[in-house]
Amino acid sequence: MADLPDLLPERDNGYPAWKRTALFAAGSVCMVLGVIGWLVPVVTGIPFYIAGLALLGLASVRAARAINLLERKLPLRARHLLRRALPRRESEG
C-alpha cells in the first residue's frame, strides 16, 4: 500500500500578514476553547482542538510541518480514518 501524501500540503507562506495574523488569532481562540471544553464537562473540546490545529497550520508553515509530522506517526489505519473524516479537497496536486 502506497504511503499517503501529507495532510496539509507543503506551500510557501503566500498569505498576506493580516490574513496570517487573523488565522493565528482564530486558531489560538479555538485552542483556548478546547482547554475550556476540557475543563467544563458539558462542552467537548476535541472539535475546537481540531479546528485550532487546522487554522494554525494555515497560518504558519512551521505549524503545518509539525502537524504533518505528528500525522505521519499515526498508524496507517488511523491515518485512513482521519482522512475519511476530513472534508475532501477539490484540487489536490
PDB file of N, CA and C in Angstrom:
ATOM      1  N   MET A   1       0.847  -1.170   0.000  1.00  0.00           N
ATOM      2  CA  MET A   1       0.000   0.000   0.000  1.00  0.00           C
ATOM      3  C   MET A   1       0.896   1.237   0.000  1.00  0.00           C
ATOM      4  N   ALA A   2       0.631   2.193  -0.885  1.00  0.00           N
ATOM      5  CA  ALA A   2       1.453   3.397  -1.009  1.00  0.00           C
ATOM      6  C   ALA A   2       1.233   4.311   0.193  1.00  0.00           C
ATOM      7  N   ASP A   3       2.291   5.036   0.514  1.00  0.00           N
ATOM      8  CA  ASP A   3       2.207   5.969   1.622  1.00  0.00           C
ATOM      9  C   ASP A   3       1.316   7.145   1.240  1.00  0.00           C
ATOM     10  N   LEU A   4       0.577   7.659   2.187  1.00  0.00           N
ATOM     11  CA  LEU A   4      -0.343   8.760   1.930  1.00  0.00           C
ATOM     12  C   LEU A   4       0.414  10.082   1.815  1.00  0.00           C
ATOM     13  N   PRO A   5      -0.103  11.027   1.028  1.00  0.00           N
ATOM     14  CA  PRO A   5       0.531  12.349   0.983  1.00  0.00           C
ATOM     15  C   PRO A   5       0.299  13.087   2.299  1.00  0.00           C
ATOM     16  N   ASP A   6       0.989  14.188   2.478  1.00  0.00           N
ATOM     17  CA  ASP A   6       0.846  14.958   3.712  1.00  0.00           C
ATOM     18  C   ASP A   6      -0.584  15.436   3.887  1.00  0.00           C
ATOM     19  N   LEU A   7      -0.998  15.557   5.139  1.00  0.00           N
ATOM     20  CA  LEU A   7      -2.342  16.023   5.455  1.00  0.00           C
ATOM     21  C   LEU A   7      -2.514  17.480   5.026  1.00  0.00           C
ATOM     22  N   LEU A   8      -1.546  18.323   5.364  1.00  0.00           N
ATOM     23  CA  LEU A   8      -1.543  19.717   4.930  1.00  0.00           C
ATOM     24  C   LEU A   8      -0.478  19.860   3.862  1.00  0.00           C
ATOM     25  N   PRO A   9      -0.843  20.243   2.653  1.00  0.00           N
ATOM     26  CA  PRO A   9       0.147  20.301   1.566  1.00  0.00           C
ATOM     27  C   PRO A   9       1.238  21.327   1.842  1.00  0.00           C
ATOM     28  N   GLU A  10       2.445  21.025   1.380  1.00  0.00           N
ATOM     29  CA  GLU A  10       3.582  21.938   1.533  1.00  0.00           C
ATOM     30  C   GLU A  10       3.349  23.152   0.642  1.00  0.00           C
ATOM     31  N   ARG A  11       3.534  24.321   1.190  1.00  0.00           N
ATOM     32  CA  ARG A  11       3.305  25.552   0.438  1.00  0.00           C
ATOM     33  C   ARG A  11       4.235  26.630   0.969  1.00  0.00           C
ATOM     34  N   ASP A  12       4.460  27.626   0.146  1.00  0.00           N
ATOM     35  CA  ASP A  12       5.175  28.785   0.662  1.00  0.00           C
ATOM     36  C   ASP A  12       4.152  29.651   1.374  1.00  0.00           C
ATOM     37  N   ASN A  13       4.592  30.452   2.308  1.00  0.00           N
ATOM     38  CA  ASN A  13       3.657  31.236   3.104  1.00  0.00           C
ATOM     39  C   ASN A  13       3.243  32.464   2.308  1.00  0.00           C
ATOM     40  N   GLY A  14       2.390  32.261   1.305  1.00  0.00           N
ATOM     41  CA  GLY A  14       1.985  33.310   0.402  1.00  0.00           C
ATOM     42  C   GLY A  14       0.841  34.169   0.907  1.00  0.00           C
ATOM     43  N   TYR A  15       0.319  33.898   2.086  1.00  0.00           N
ATOM     44  CA  TYR A  15      -0.758  34.715   2.618  1.00  0.00           C
ATOM     45  C   TYR A  15      -0.213  36.062   3.081  1.00  0.00           C
ATOM     46  N   PRO A  16      -1.011  37.127   2.950  1.00  0.00           N
ATOM     47  CA  PRO A  16      -0.570  38.408   3.489  1.00  0.00           C
ATOM     48  C   PRO A  16      -0.492  38.358   5.019  1.00  0.00           C
ATOM     49  N   ALA A  17       0.247  39.289   5.586  1.00  0.00           N
ATOM     50  CA  ALA A  17       0.469  39.294   7.039  1.00  0.00           C
ATOM     51  C   ALA A  17      -0.831  39.411   7.820  1.00  0.00           C
ATOM     52  N   TRP A  18      -1.772  40.193   7.336  1.00  0.00           N
ATOM     53  CA  TRP A  18      -3.026  40.362   8.073  1.00  0.00           C
ATOM     54  C   TRP A  18      -3.819  39.060   8.112  1.00  0.00           C
ATOM     55  N   LYS A  19      -3.768  38.289   7.010  1.00  0.00           N
ATOM     56  CA  LYS A  19      -4.507  37.025   6.977  1.00  0.00           C
ATOM     57  C   LYS A  19      -3.846  35.987   7.883  1.00  0.00           C
ATOM     58  N   ARG A  20      -2.502  35.925   7.887  1.00  0.00           N
ATOM     59  CA  ARG A  20      -1.797  35.003   8.792  1.00  0.00           C
ATOM     60  C   ARG A  20      -2.079  35.356  10.245  1.00  0.00           C
ATOM     61  N   THR A  21      -2.116  36.664  10.550  1.00  0.00           N
ATOM     62  CA  THR A  21      -2.411  37.100  11.916  1.00  0.00           C
ATOM     63  C   THR A  21      -3.831  36.701  12.311  1.00  0.00           C
ATOM     64  N   ALA A  22      -4.786  36.899  11.397  1.00  0.00           N
ATOM     65  CA  ALA A  22      -6.179  36.527  11.690  1.00  0.00           C
ATOM     66  C   ALA A  22      -6.314  35.017  11.878  1.00  0.00           C
ATOM     67  N   LEU A  23      -5.641  34.222  11.042  1.00  0.00           N
ATOM     68  CA  LEU A  23      -5.690  32.763  11.180  1.00  0.00           C
ATOM     69  C   LEU A  23      -5.053  32.327  12.494  1.00  0.00           C
ATOM     70  N   PHE A  24      -3.920  32.950  12.849  1.00  0.00           N
ATOM     71  CA  PHE A  24      -3.258  32.614  14.106  1.00  0.00           C
ATOM     72  C   PHE A  24      -4.143  32.963  15.298  1.00  0.00           C
ATOM     73  N   ALA A  25      -4.800  34.136  15.253  1.00  0.00           N
ATOM     74  CA  ALA A  25      -5.687  34.539  16.347  1.00  0.00           C
ATOM     75  C   ALA A  25      -6.879  33.583  16.466  1.00  0.00           C
ATOM     76  N   ALA A  26      -7.474  33.234  15.330  1.00  0.00           N
ATOM     77  CA  ALA A  26      -8.616  32.312  15.359  1.00  0.00           C
ATOM     78  C   ALA A  26      -8.187  30.930  15.855  1.00  0.00           C
ATOM     79  N   GLY A  27      -7.010  30.473  15.423  1.00  0.00           N
ATOM     80  CA  GLY A  27      -6.504  29.183  15.904  1.00  0.00           C
ATOM     81  C   GLY A  27      -6.229  29.194  17.386  1.00  0.00           C
ATOM     82  N   SER A  28      -5.683  30.290  17.882  1.00  0.00           N
ATOM     83  CA  SER A  28      -5.412  30.409  19.318  1.00  0.00           C
ATOM     84  C   SER A  28      -6.708  30.424  20.121  1.00  0.00           C
ATOM     85  N   VAL A  29      -7.724  31.127  19.613  1.00  0.00           N
ATOM     86  CA  VAL A  29      -9.020  31.157  20.303  1.00  0.00           C
ATOM     87  C   VAL A  29      -9.626  29.754  20.341  1.00  0.00           C
ATOM     88  N   CYS A  30      -9.528  29.021  19.251  1.00  0.00           N
ATOM     89  CA  CYS A  30     -10.051  27.651  19.225  1.00  0.00           C
ATOM     90  C   CYS A  30      -9.311  26.755  20.222  1.00  0.00           C
ATOM     91  N   MET A  31      -7.992  26.921  20.320  1.00  0.00           N
ATOM     92  CA  MET A  31      -7.233  26.114  21.288  1.00  0.00           C
ATOM     93  C   MET A  31      -7.647  26.447  22.723  1.00  0.00           C
ATOM     94  N   VAL A  32      -7.875  27.738  23.017  1.00  0.00           N
ATOM     95  CA  VAL A  32      -8.327  28.139  24.352  1.00  0.00           C
ATOM     96  C   VAL A  32      -9.716  27.563  24.624  1.00  0.00           C
ATOM     97  N   LEU A  33     -10.597  27.607  23.619  1.00  0.00           N
ATOM     98  CA  LEU A  33     -11.925  26.998  23.787  1.00  0.00           C
ATOM     99  C   LEU A  33     -11.826  25.491  23.990  1.00  0.00           C
ATOM    100  N   GLY A  34     -10.836  24.856  23.371  1.00  0.00           N
ATOM    101  CA  GLY A  34     -10.614  23.428  23.595  1.00  0.00           C
ATOM    102  C   GLY A  34     -10.216  23.142  25.031  1.00  0.00           C
ATOM    103  N   VAL A  35      -9.369  23.990  25.598  1.00  0.00           N
ATOM    104  CA  VAL A  35      -8.981  23.825  27.004  1.00  0.00           C
ATOM    105  C   VAL A  35     -10.188  24.050  27.902  1.00  0.00           C
ATOM    106  N   ILE A  36     -10.989  25.066  27.602  1.00  0.00           N
ATOM    107  CA  ILE A  36     -12.207  25.303  28.386  1.00  0.00           C
ATOM    108  C   ILE A  36     -13.152  24.114  28.258  1.00  0.00           C
ATOM    109  N   GLY A  37     -13.263  23.564  27.069  1.00  0.00           N
ATOM    110  CA  GLY A  37     -14.098  22.381  26.872  1.00  0.00           C
ATOM    111  C   GLY A  37     -13.576  21.177  27.626  1.00  0.00           C
ATOM    112  N   TRP A  38     -12.265  21.121  27.831  1.00  0.00           N
ATOM    113  CA  TRP A  38     -11.676  20.044  28.616  1.00  0.00           C
ATOM    114  C   TRP A  38     -12.012  20.211  30.095  1.00  0.00           C
ATOM    115  N   LEU A  39     -12.095  21.460  30.556  1.00  0.00           N
ATOM    116  CA  LEU A  39     -12.367  21.732  31.968  1.00  0.00           C
ATOM    117  C   LEU A  39     -13.851  21.673  32.302  1.00  0.00           C
ATOM    118  N   VAL A  40     -14.705  22.075  31.387  1.00  0.00           N
ATOM    119  CA  VAL A  40     -16.150  22.092  31.612  1.00  0.00           C
ATOM    120  C   VAL A  40     -16.720  20.796  31.024  1.00  0.00           C
ATOM    121  N   PRO A  41     -17.355  19.974  31.850  1.00  0.00           N
ATOM    122  CA  PRO A  41     -17.791  18.657  31.366  1.00  0.00           C
ATOM    123  C   PRO A  41     -18.940  18.693  30.358  1.00  0.00           C
ATOM    124  N   VAL A  42     -19.654  19.795  30.233  1.00  0.00           N
ATOM    125  CA  VAL A  42     -20.801  19.852  29.320  1.00  0.00           C
ATOM    126  C   VAL A  42     -20.339  20.025  27.873  1.00  0.00           C
ATOM    127  N   VAL A  43     -19.236  20.745  27.672  1.00  0.00           N
ATOM    128  CA  VAL A  43     -18.746  21.071  26.330  1.00  0.00           C
ATOM    129  C   VAL A  43     -17.555  20.175  26.012  1.00  0.00           C
ATOM    130  N   THR A  44     -17.525  19.614  24.822  1.00  0.00           N
ATOM    131  CA  THR A  44     -16.375  18.812  24.420  1.00  0.00           C
ATOM    132  C   THR A  44     -15.338  19.708  23.755  1.00  0.00           C
ATOM    133  N   GLY A  45     -14.080  19.448  23.998  1.00  0.00           N
ATOM    134  CA  GLY A  45     -13.028  20.302  23.468  1.00  0.00           C
ATOM    135  C   GLY A  45     -12.388  19.808  22.191  1.00  0.00           C
ATOM    136  N   ILE A  46     -12.637  18.567  21.815  1.00  0.00           N
ATOM    137  CA  ILE A  46     -11.944  17.966  20.673  1.00  0.00           C
ATOM    138  C   ILE A  46     -12.205  18.704  19.365  1.00  0.00           C
ATOM    139  N   PRO A  47     -13.446  19.088  19.028  1.00  0.00           N
ATOM    140  CA  PRO A  47     -13.632  19.837  17.775  1.00  0.00           C
ATOM    141  C   PRO A  47     -12.875  21.166  17.759  1.00  0.00           C
ATOM    142  N   PHE A  48     -12.773  21.803  18.924  1.00  0.00           N
ATOM    143  CA  PHE A  48     -12.026  23.055  18.999  1.00  0.00           C
ATOM    144  C   PHE A  48     -10.537  22.820  18.790  1.00  0.00           C
ATOM    145  N   TYR A  49     -10.007  21.733  19.322  1.00  0.00           N
ATOM    146  CA  TYR A  49      -8.597  21.406  19.099  1.00  0.00           C
ATOM    147  C   TYR A  49      -8.336  21.147  17.608  1.00  0.00           C
ATOM    148  N   ILE A  50      -9.212  20.413  16.966  1.00  0.00           N
ATOM    149  CA  ILE A  50      -9.036  20.103  15.543  1.00  0.00           C
ATOM    150  C   ILE A  50      -9.105  21.376  14.707  1.00  0.00           C
ATOM    151  N   ALA A  51     -10.094  22.221  14.984  1.00  0.00           N
ATOM    152  CA  ALA A  51     -10.211  23.480  14.247  1.00  0.00           C
ATOM    153  C   ALA A  51      -9.003  24.378  14.515  1.00  0.00           C
ATOM    154  N   GLY A  52      -8.557  24.412  15.767  1.00  0.00           N
ATOM    155  CA  GLY A  52      -7.397  25.229  16.107  1.00  0.00           C
ATOM    156  C   GLY A  52      -6.141  24.764  15.401  1.00  0.00           C
ATOM    157  N   LEU A  53      -5.926  23.457  15.341  1.00  0.00           N
ATOM    158  CA  LEU A  53      -4.747  22.935  14.640  1.00  0.00           C
ATOM    159  C   LEU A  53      -4.813  23.234  13.143  1.00  0.00           C
ATOM    160  N   ALA A  54      -6.000  23.116  12.562  1.00  0.00           N
ATOM    161  CA  ALA A  54      -6.133  23.409  11.135  1.00  0.00           C
ATOM    162  C   ALA A  54      -5.857  24.884  10.853  1.00  0.00           C
ATOM    163  N   LEU A  55      -6.376  25.765  11.690  1.00  0.00           N
ATOM    164  CA  LEU A  55      -6.151  27.199  11.485  1.00  0.00           C
ATOM    165  C   LEU A  55      -4.694  27.573  11.712  1.00  0.00           C
ATOM    166  N   LEU A  56      -4.075  26.987  12.736  1.00  0.00           N
ATOM    167  CA  LEU A  56      -2.660  27.266  12.978  1.00  0.00           C
ATOM    168  C   LEU A  56      -1.799  26.711  11.847  1.00  0.00           C
ATOM    169  N   GLY A  57      -2.204  25.577  11.284  1.00  0.00           N
ATOM    170  CA  GLY A  57      -1.483  25.012  10.147  1.00  0.00           C
ATOM    171  C   GLY A  57      -1.559  25.890   8.911  1.00  0.00           C
ATOM    172  N   LEU A  58      -2.674  26.586   8.741  1.00  0.00           N
ATOM    173  CA  LEU A  58      -2.796  27.526   7.634  1.00  0.00           C
ATOM    174  C   LEU A  58      -2.011  28.805   7.884  1.00  0.00           C
ATOM    175  N   ALA A  59      -1.873  29.186   9.154  1.00  0.00           N
ATOM    176  CA  ALA A  59      -1.206  30.438   9.496  1.00  0.00           C
ATOM    177  C   ALA A  59       0.307  30.325   9.425  1.00  0.00           C
ATOM    178  N   SER A  60       0.858  29.139   9.655  1.00  0.00           N
ATOM    179  CA  SER A  60       2.302  29.016   9.773  1.00  0.00           C
ATOM    180  C   SER A  60       2.797  27.764   9.048  1.00  0.00           C
ATOM    181  N   VAL A  61       3.864  27.929   8.277  1.00  0.00           N
ATOM    182  CA  VAL A  61       4.462  26.793   7.585  1.00  0.00           C
ATOM    183  C   VAL A  61       5.060  25.830   8.607  1.00  0.00           C
ATOM    184  N   ARG A  62       5.652  26.365   9.668  1.00  0.00           N
ATOM    185  CA  ARG A  62       6.263  25.522  10.694  1.00  0.00           C
ATOM    186  C   ARG A  62       5.200  24.693  11.425  1.00  0.00           C
ATOM    187  N   ALA A  63       4.042  25.301  11.699  1.00  0.00           N
ATOM    188  CA  ALA A  63       2.955  24.554  12.343  1.00  0.00           C
ATOM    189  C   ALA A  63       2.420  23.470  11.404  1.00  0.00           C
ATOM    190  N   ALA A  64       2.336  23.762  10.115  1.00  0.00           N
ATOM    191  CA  ALA A  64       1.873  22.766   9.146  1.00  0.00           C
ATOM    192  C   ALA A  64       2.835  21.583   9.089  1.00  0.00           C
ATOM    193  N   ARG A  65       4.145  21.868   9.117  1.00  0.00           N
ATOM    194  CA  ARG A  65       5.131  20.775   9.131  1.00  0.00           C
ATOM    195  C   ARG A  65       4.990  19.931  10.391  1.00  0.00           C
ATOM    196  N   ALA A  66       4.758  20.577  11.540  1.00  0.00           N
ATOM    197  CA  ALA A  66       4.604  19.834  12.798  1.00  0.00           C
ATOM    198  C   ALA A  66       3.355  18.952  12.757  1.00  0.00           C
ATOM    199  N   ILE A  67       2.259  19.469  12.203  1.00  0.00           N
ATOM    200  CA  ILE A  67       1.030  18.687  12.097  1.00  0.00           C
ATOM    201  C   ILE A  67       1.243  17.492  11.176  1.00  0.00           C
ATOM    202  N   ASN A  68       1.932  17.706  10.044  1.00  0.00           N
ATOM    203  CA  ASN A  68       2.219  16.602   9.127  1.00  0.00           C
ATOM    204  C   ASN A  68       3.103  15.552   9.789  1.00  0.00           C
ATOM    205  N   LEU A  69       4.084  15.986  10.570  1.00  0.00           N
ATOM    206  CA  LEU A  69       4.965  15.045  11.263  1.00  0.00           C
ATOM    207  C   LEU A  69       4.181  14.211  12.277  1.00  0.00           C
ATOM    208  N   LEU A  70       3.313  14.873  13.030  1.00  0.00           N
ATOM    209  CA  LEU A  70       2.502  14.137  14.005  1.00  0.00           C
ATOM    210  C   LEU A  70       1.559  13.157  13.312  1.00  0.00           C
ATOM    211  N   GLU A  71       0.995  13.564  12.181  1.00  0.00           N
ATOM    212  CA  GLU A  71       0.073  12.690  11.463  1.00  0.00           C
ATOM    213  C   GLU A  71       0.800  11.489  10.880  1.00  0.00           C
ATOM    214  N   ARG A  72       2.049  11.671  10.444  1.00  0.00           N
ATOM    215  CA  ARG A  72       2.828  10.551   9.907  1.00  0.00           C
ATOM    216  C   ARG A  72       3.150   9.508  10.964  1.00  0.00           C
ATOM    217  N   LYS A  73       3.138   9.894  12.237  1.00  0.00           N
ATOM    218  CA  LYS A  73       3.438   8.951  13.308  1.00  0.00           C
ATOM    219  C   LYS A  73       2.247   8.062  13.656  1.00  0.00           C
ATOM    220  N   LEU A  74       1.070   8.408  13.146  1.00  0.00           N
ATOM    221  CA  LEU A  74      -0.106   7.581  13.399  1.00  0.00           C
ATOM    222  C   LEU A  74      -0.015   6.286  12.602  1.00  0.00           C
ATOM    223  N   PRO A  75      -0.636   5.223  13.096  1.00  0.00           N
ATOM    224  CA  PRO A  75      -0.717   4.009  12.283  1.00  0.00           C
ATOM    225  C   PRO A  75      -1.494   4.274  10.996  1.00  0.00           C
ATOM    226  N   LEU A  76      -1.204   3.506   9.972  1.00  0.00           N
ATOM    227  CA  LEU A  76      -1.803   3.730   8.654  1.00  0.00           C
ATOM    228  C   LEU A  76      -3.326   3.663   8.704  1.00  0.00           C
ATOM    229  N   ARG A  77      -3.859   2.745   9.474  1.00  0.00           N
ATOM    230  CA  ARG A  77      -5.320   2.623   9.582  1.00  0.00           C
ATOM    231  C   ARG A  77      -5.926   3.885  10.192  1.00  0.00           C
ATOM    232  N   ALA A  78      -5.280   4.446  11.223  1.00  0.00           N
ATOM    233  CA  ALA A  78      -5.774   5.675  11.839  1.00  0.00           C
ATOM    234  C   ALA A  78      -5.678   6.851  10.871  1.00  0.00           C
ATOM    235  N   ARG A  79      -4.634   6.866  10.046  1.00  0.00           N
ATOM    236  CA  ARG A  79      -4.498   7.926   9.050  1.00  0.00           C
ATOM    237  C   ARG A  79      -5.625   7.857   8.024  1.00  0.00           C
ATOM    238  N   HIS A  80      -5.983   6.639   7.605  1.00  0.00           N
ATOM    239  CA  HIS A  80      -7.086   6.480   6.657  1.00  0.00           C
ATOM    240  C   HIS A  80      -8.408   6.919   7.287  1.00  0.00           C
ATOM    241  N   LEU A  81      -8.641   6.585   8.547  1.00  0.00           N
ATOM    242  CA  LEU A  81      -9.867   7.004   9.223  1.00  0.00           C
ATOM    243  C   LEU A  81      -9.918   8.517   9.375  1.00  0.00           C
ATOM    244  N   LEU A  82      -8.786   9.123   9.684  1.00  0.00           N
ATOM    245  CA  LEU A  82      -8.724  10.572   9.825  1.00  0.00           C
ATOM    246  C   LEU A  82      -9.055  11.255   8.509  1.00  0.00           C
ATOM    247  N   ARG A  83      -8.493  10.754   7.430  1.00  0.00           N
ATOM    248  CA  ARG A  83      -8.739  11.371   6.125  1.00  0.00           C
ATOM    249  C   ARG A  83     -10.170  11.147   5.649  1.00  0.00           C
ATOM    250  N   ARG A  84     -10.765  10.038   6.034  1.00  0.00           N
ATOM    251  CA  ARG A  84     -12.155   9.807   5.666  1.00  0.00           C
ATOM    252  C   ARG A  84     -13.071  10.781   6.417  1.00  0.00           C
ATOM    253  N   ALA A  85     -12.682  11.163   7.641  1.00  0.00           N
ATOM    254  CA  ALA A  85     -13.498  12.064   8.438  1.00  0.00           C
ATOM    255  C   ALA A  85     -13.362  13.517   7.997  1.00  0.00           C
ATOM    256  N   LEU A  86     -12.222  13.865   7.397  1.00  0.00           N
ATOM    257  CA  LEU A  86     -11.997  15.247   6.965  1.00  0.00           C
ATOM    258  C   LEU A  86     -12.654  15.490   5.615  1.00  0.00           C
ATOM    259  N   PRO A  87     -13.108  16.731   5.365  1.00  0.00           N
ATOM    260  CA  PRO A  87     -13.680  17.017   4.048  1.00  0.00           C
ATOM    261  C   PRO A  87     -12.631  16.923   2.962  1.00  0.00           C
ATOM    262  N   ARG A  88     -13.030  16.499   1.780  1.00  0.00           N
ATOM    263  CA  ARG A  88     -12.086  16.316   0.676  1.00  0.00           C
ATOM    264  C   ARG A  88     -11.751  17.659   0.037  1.00  0.00           C
ATOM    265  N   ARG A  89     -10.487  17.797  -0.361  1.00  0.00           N
ATOM    266  CA  ARG A  89     -10.053  18.987  -1.096  1.00  0.00           C
ATOM    267  C   ARG A  89     -10.397  18.773  -2.560  1.00  0.00           C
ATOM    268  N   GLU A  90     -10.906  19.821  -3.197  1.00  0.00           N
ATOM    269  CA  GLU A  90     -11.318  19.717  -4.595  1.00  0.00           C
ATOM    270  C   GLU A  90     -10.117  19.543  -5.521  1.00  0.00           C
ATOM    271  N   SER A  91      -9.059  20.319  -5.284  1.00  0.00           N
ATOM    272  CA  SER A  91      -7.898  20.247  -6.171  1.00  0.00           C
ATOM    273  C   SER A  91      -6.680  19.812  -5.382  1.00  0.00           C
ATOM    274  N   GLU A  92      -6.262  18.585  -5.560  1.00  0.00           N
ATOM    275  CA  GLU A  92      -5.047  18.079  -4.927  1.00  0.00           C
ATOM    276  C   GLU A  92      -3.983  17.983  -5.982  1.00  0.00           C
ATOM    277  N   GLY A  93      -2.793  18.462  -5.617  1.00  0.00           N
ATOM    278  CA  GLY A  93      -1.728  18.312  -6.585  1.00  0.00           C
ATOM    279  C   GLY A  93      -0.911  19.510  -6.801  1.00  0.00           C
TER     280      GLY A  93
END
